[in-house]
Protein backbone atom coordinates (compact mmCIF):
# COMPACT_ATOMS: atom_id res chain seq x y z
CA MET A 1 110.33 169.34 106.41
CA GLN A 2 110.46 169.98 110.36
CA SER A 3 109.11 173.38 108.54
CA VAL A 4 106.01 172.08 107.63
CA GLU A 5 105.60 169.97 110.65
CA MET A 6 105.78 172.76 113.13
CA ALA A 7 103.07 174.30 111.27
CA LEU A 8 100.89 171.87 111.31
CA ASP A 9 101.35 171.15 114.71
CA ALA A 10 100.70 174.85 115.87
CA ALA A 11 97.61 174.29 113.06
CA LEU A 12 96.25 171.22 115.15
CA ILE A 13 96.14 172.56 118.83
CA VAL A 14 93.86 175.32 117.36
CA ILE A 15 91.48 173.07 115.45
CA GLN A 16 91.71 170.57 118.71
CA ASN A 17 90.94 173.15 121.11
CA GLY A 18 87.50 175.12 119.70
CA GLY A 19 89.28 177.55 117.79
CA SER A 20 88.62 178.61 113.62
CA THR A 21 90.03 177.25 110.53
CA ILE A 22 91.15 180.76 109.67
CA ALA A 23 92.78 181.36 113.05
CA ALA A 24 94.45 178.03 112.40
CA ASN A 25 95.75 178.76 108.78
CA ARG A 26 96.97 182.08 110.37
CA SER A 27 98.92 180.01 112.90
CA PHE A 28 99.94 177.70 110.04
CA ASN A 29 101.26 180.35 107.38
CA ASN A 30 103.15 182.61 110.36
CA ILE A 31 105.25 179.54 111.48
CA LEU A 32 106.19 179.20 107.74
CA LYS A 33 106.85 182.52 107.45
CA GLY A 34 109.19 182.19 110.38
CA TYR A 35 111.43 179.03 108.21
CA LYS A 36 111.07 181.19 105.16
CA LYS A 37 109.23 178.40 104.05
CA GLU A 38 107.23 178.56 100.31
CA GLY A 39 105.25 176.76 98.62
CA VAL A 40 103.01 174.47 101.49
CA SER A 41 99.67 173.90 100.20
CA ALA A 42 96.92 172.92 103.62
CA THR A 43 94.00 170.43 103.51
CA TRP A 44 91.81 171.40 106.60
CA ARG A 45 89.00 168.52 107.91
CA LEU A 46 87.58 167.97 111.03
CA ASP A 47 89.44 164.27 110.85
CA PHE A 48 92.62 165.75 109.54
CA ILE A 49 94.87 168.51 108.40
CA SER A 50 97.49 167.84 105.79
CA ALA A 51 99.95 169.93 104.36
CA THR A 52 101.70 169.27 100.66
CA THR A 53 105.54 170.21 99.77
CA ALA A 54 107.91 169.85 97.60
CA ASP A 55 111.61 168.54 99.05
CA GLU A 56 114.02 167.99 97.37
CA GLY A 57 112.08 167.79 94.02
CA ARG A 58 109.75 165.51 95.22
CA SER A 59 106.21 166.23 96.28
CA ALA A 60 105.79 165.00 99.91
CA THR A 61 102.68 165.44 102.30
CA ILE A 62 102.77 164.93 105.90
CA VAL A 63 99.40 164.02 107.81
CA ARG A 64 98.07 165.20 111.11
CA SER A 65 95.05 163.32 112.69
CA VAL A 66 92.91 165.89 114.85
CA GLY A 67 90.83 163.33 116.81
CA PRO A 68 88.44 164.60 119.60
CA ILE A 69 87.35 168.46 119.33
CA GLY A 70 87.60 169.83 122.67
CA VAL A 71 87.90 174.25 124.11
CA ASN A 72 90.55 175.61 125.68
CA LEU A 73 90.55 178.85 123.95
CA VAL A 74 93.85 179.66 126.04
CA ARG A 75 95.67 177.11 124.04
CA ALA A 76 94.33 178.35 120.85
CA SER A 77 94.96 181.79 121.91
CA GLU A 78 98.53 181.22 122.64
CA ILE A 79 99.05 179.53 119.54
CA GLN A 80 98.29 182.21 117.65
CA ILE A 81 100.52 184.52 119.53
CA LEU A 82 103.09 182.23 119.04
CA GLY A 83 102.91 181.82 115.33
CA GLU A 84 102.68 186.39 115.66
CA LYS A 85 105.79 186.13 117.26
CA VAL A 86 107.33 184.07 114.89
CA ALA A 87 106.60 185.48 111.35
CA ALA A 88 107.73 188.68 112.68
CA GLY A 89 111.04 187.38 113.73
CA GLU A 90 110.87 188.23 117.75
CA LEU A 91 111.03 184.30 118.34
CA ASN A 92 114.03 182.02 116.52
CA THR A 93 112.62 178.57 115.19
CA ILE A 94 114.84 176.77 117.20
CA SER A 95 112.16 177.30 120.41
CA ILE A 96 109.51 176.76 118.24
CA ALA A 97 109.49 173.18 119.81
CA ASP A 98 109.83 174.08 122.83
CA GLU A 99 107.20 176.56 123.00
CA ILE A 100 104.27 174.58 121.56
CA GLU A 101 105.16 171.54 124.04
CA ARG A 102 104.42 174.49 126.42
CA ILE A 103 101.12 175.44 124.85
CA LYS A 104 99.85 171.85 125.16
CA LYS A 105 100.52 171.52 128.19
CA LEU A 106 98.08 174.68 129.26
CA HIS A 107 95.30 173.80 131.47
CA THR A 108 91.96 175.51 131.31
CA PRO A 109 91.50 178.56 133.24
CA TYR A 110 88.48 177.14 134.87
CA ASN A 111 88.24 174.06 137.30
CA ARG A 112 85.20 171.94 136.98
CA TRP A 113 82.83 173.17 139.57
CA LEU A 114 82.93 176.64 137.76
CA ALA A 115 81.79 174.76 134.99
CA VAL A 116 79.28 172.88 136.60
CA LEU A 117 78.04 175.51 138.02
CA ALA A 118 77.99 177.86 134.83
CA ALA A 119 76.47 175.25 133.19
CA ALA A 120 73.13 174.69 136.00
CA CYS A 121 72.34 179.17 135.91
CA ILE A 122 72.51 179.08 132.00
CA GLY A 123 69.77 176.22 132.28
CA ALA A 124 68.27 178.15 135.13
CA ALA A 125 68.51 181.32 133.26
CA MET A 126 67.01 179.58 130.45
CA SER A 127 64.71 178.25 132.01
CA GLN A 128 63.29 181.89 132.95
CA PHE A 129 63.89 183.59 129.65
CA ALA A 130 61.98 181.20 127.60
CA GLY A 131 58.73 182.11 130.14
CA GLY A 132 59.11 179.32 132.52
CA ASP A 133 57.46 179.21 136.03
CA THR A 134 59.60 178.77 139.59
CA GLY A 135 59.83 175.33 139.35
CA SER A 136 60.91 175.29 136.17
CA PHE A 137 64.15 177.38 137.10
CA GLY A 138 64.97 174.51 140.22
CA ILE A 139 64.85 171.24 137.58
CA ALA A 140 67.11 172.80 134.98
CA PHE A 141 69.63 174.14 137.50
CA ILE A 142 69.72 170.91 139.26
CA ALA A 143 69.81 168.58 136.31
CA ALA A 144 71.98 171.44 134.21
CA GLY A 145 74.25 171.04 136.85
CA ILE A 146 74.47 167.10 137.31
CA GLY A 147 74.74 166.82 133.54
CA GLN A 148 77.84 169.06 133.46
CA ILE A 149 79.43 166.66 136.38
CA LEU A 150 78.75 163.64 134.11
CA ARG A 151 79.78 165.79 131.35
CA SER A 152 83.71 166.12 132.62
CA ILE A 153 84.04 162.88 133.82
CA LEU A 154 83.54 161.37 130.33
CA GLN A 155 84.96 164.17 128.78
CA ALA A 156 88.10 162.98 130.90
CA ARG A 157 87.54 159.62 129.77
CA LYS A 158 88.23 160.94 126.47
CA LEU A 159 84.74 159.41 124.88
CA PRO A 160 83.41 160.72 121.79
CA VAL A 161 81.26 164.16 121.32
CA ALA A 162 77.61 162.72 120.04
CA ASN A 163 78.08 159.19 122.90
CA ILE A 164 78.57 162.74 125.42
CA THR A 165 75.75 164.24 124.72
CA LEU A 166 73.54 161.66 124.03
CA ILE A 167 74.36 159.83 127.64
CA CYS A 168 74.52 163.65 129.36
CA ALA A 169 70.89 164.50 127.60
CA PHE A 170 69.36 161.59 128.35
CA ILE A 171 70.78 162.11 132.67
CA SER A 172 69.51 165.89 132.55
CA ALA A 173 66.30 165.02 130.40
CA CYS A 174 65.17 162.46 133.04
CA ILE A 175 65.70 164.42 135.96
CA ALA A 176 63.62 166.92 134.51
CA CYS A 177 60.91 164.63 133.57
CA TYR A 178 61.33 163.49 137.19
CA GLY A 179 60.67 166.73 138.52
CA ILE A 180 57.55 168.01 136.30
CA LYS A 181 56.04 163.70 137.09
CA MET A 182 56.07 165.50 140.85
CA ARG A 183 54.71 168.31 139.95
CA TYR A 184 57.05 170.74 140.10
CA SER A 185 56.70 172.83 137.26
CA GLU A 186 53.99 173.43 134.84
CA SER A 187 56.34 174.22 132.39
CA ILE A 188 57.16 171.19 130.26
CA PRO A 189 58.62 171.84 127.06
CA ILE A 190 60.31 174.94 128.33
CA THR A 191 61.88 172.33 131.51
CA LEU A 192 62.81 169.72 129.33
CA ILE A 193 65.08 171.76 126.55
CA ALA A 194 66.54 174.18 129.36
CA SER A 195 67.66 171.52 131.04
CA VAL A 196 70.14 170.30 128.34
CA VAL A 197 70.95 173.65 126.90
CA TYR A 198 74.12 173.48 128.18
CA LEU A 199 75.51 171.10 125.65
CA ALA A 200 74.19 172.91 122.65
CA PRO A 201 77.23 172.94 120.08
CA GLY A 202 77.29 176.72 120.11
CA LEU A 203 80.88 177.26 119.06
CA PRO A 204 81.04 174.94 116.54
CA LEU A 205 78.00 176.68 114.86
CA ILE A 206 80.32 179.51 115.12
CA ASN A 207 83.23 178.58 114.01
CA GLY A 208 81.76 176.83 111.07
CA PHE A 209 79.32 179.95 110.23
CA LEU A 210 82.86 181.78 110.05
CA ASP A 211 84.16 179.28 107.93
CA MET A 212 81.34 178.90 105.44
CA ILE A 213 81.96 182.51 105.03
CA SER A 214 85.18 182.67 104.13
CA HIS A 215 84.35 180.67 100.68
CA LYS A 216 88.19 179.14 101.99
CA PHE A 217 87.21 176.56 104.02
CA LEU A 218 83.47 175.77 102.64
CA PHE A 219 84.09 172.11 102.88
CA ILE A 220 85.00 172.00 106.47
CA GLY A 221 82.77 174.75 107.65
CA MET A 222 79.97 172.57 106.23
CA GLU A 223 81.16 169.72 108.66
CA ARG A 224 81.43 171.63 111.20
CA MET A 225 77.75 173.06 110.44
CA SER A 226 76.50 169.11 110.38
CA ASN A 227 78.24 167.84 113.31
CA ALA A 228 76.56 171.06 115.04
CA LEU A 229 73.16 170.02 113.71
CA PHE A 230 73.75 166.25 114.39
CA LEU A 231 74.46 167.13 117.77
CA PHE A 232 71.43 168.65 118.26
CA LEU A 233 69.52 165.87 116.63
CA VAL A 234 71.08 163.97 119.60
CA MET A 235 69.84 165.93 122.40
CA ALA A 236 65.94 166.08 121.05
CA ILE A 237 65.77 161.94 121.03
CA ALA A 238 67.62 161.85 124.42
CA ILE A 239 64.57 164.26 125.53
CA VAL A 240 62.41 162.10 123.71
CA LEU A 241 63.60 158.96 125.01
CA ALA A 242 63.34 160.18 129.17
CA TYR A 243 60.11 161.54 128.23
CA THR A 244 58.68 158.38 126.82
CA LEU A 245 60.15 156.18 130.19
CA ILE A 246 59.32 158.91 133.18
CA LEU A 247 55.88 160.46 132.10
C-alpha cells in the first residue's frame, strides 16, 4: 500500500497548490509506474481524493483530505518532475518519501510585498483598460494593494477562501467608495470593479475548464467552475455592501 500512499501524497500536493487535475493524475500514475503498481483507480474531488486497489485479494481504499487550496506552482511543478523521474527509473522508490517532504517545504518564489505590488498594479491597470479616469487609477491601486496585504494575513491564518474573498473585497470596495465619495473619480462602476479584480479566481477557472474538456474529470471540473462562480458572487455582494453603506 505504500506505493498508493506515495502516489496520493504527490497528487495531493499538485491539487493543493493550484495544479490541474490532469497534472495531479499524471503525477499519480507516474509514481505508481515507478513502483510497478497496476490496477489502481482514483476518485478526484475538491474536498478529497481517494485511491482503490486490491491488496492481498481484498479491496482497499485510501483517502486524503484536500483542505485549503492555495497557489504555489513551484511545488506543483516539482511534483510533476519527480513523477517523471520515478516513471523513467531515474529515481529509486526509496527516495520518493524524502523528495515529497522536501517539495512540501518549498516556499513561493514571490514575497508578500511583490504580491502586494502586483495586486495594486492589476487593479490600476484594469481601471485604465476599462476606460477609467486618472483618479480611478490611483484609487484602484491603493484599494487593491491594501486588500492584498489583508489577504496575505488572512491566508496565513488558514481562513476559508470564501471568507477571505468577502472580507478583502469589502475592505477594498470601501476604500474605493471613499475615494469616489471624495470625488477623486467619476468612474464609479469601473473603480469599484478594478479595486477587487485582484481577487478574481482566474486559476480555478482555467483548471476547471481544462478538467471539463478532458471529460475524464468532468465532475471536479464542474466543482472548480462552480466554486469560481461562487467567489465572483461573493465579490459582487461585497461591492454592493460597501456601496450601500458609504455612497
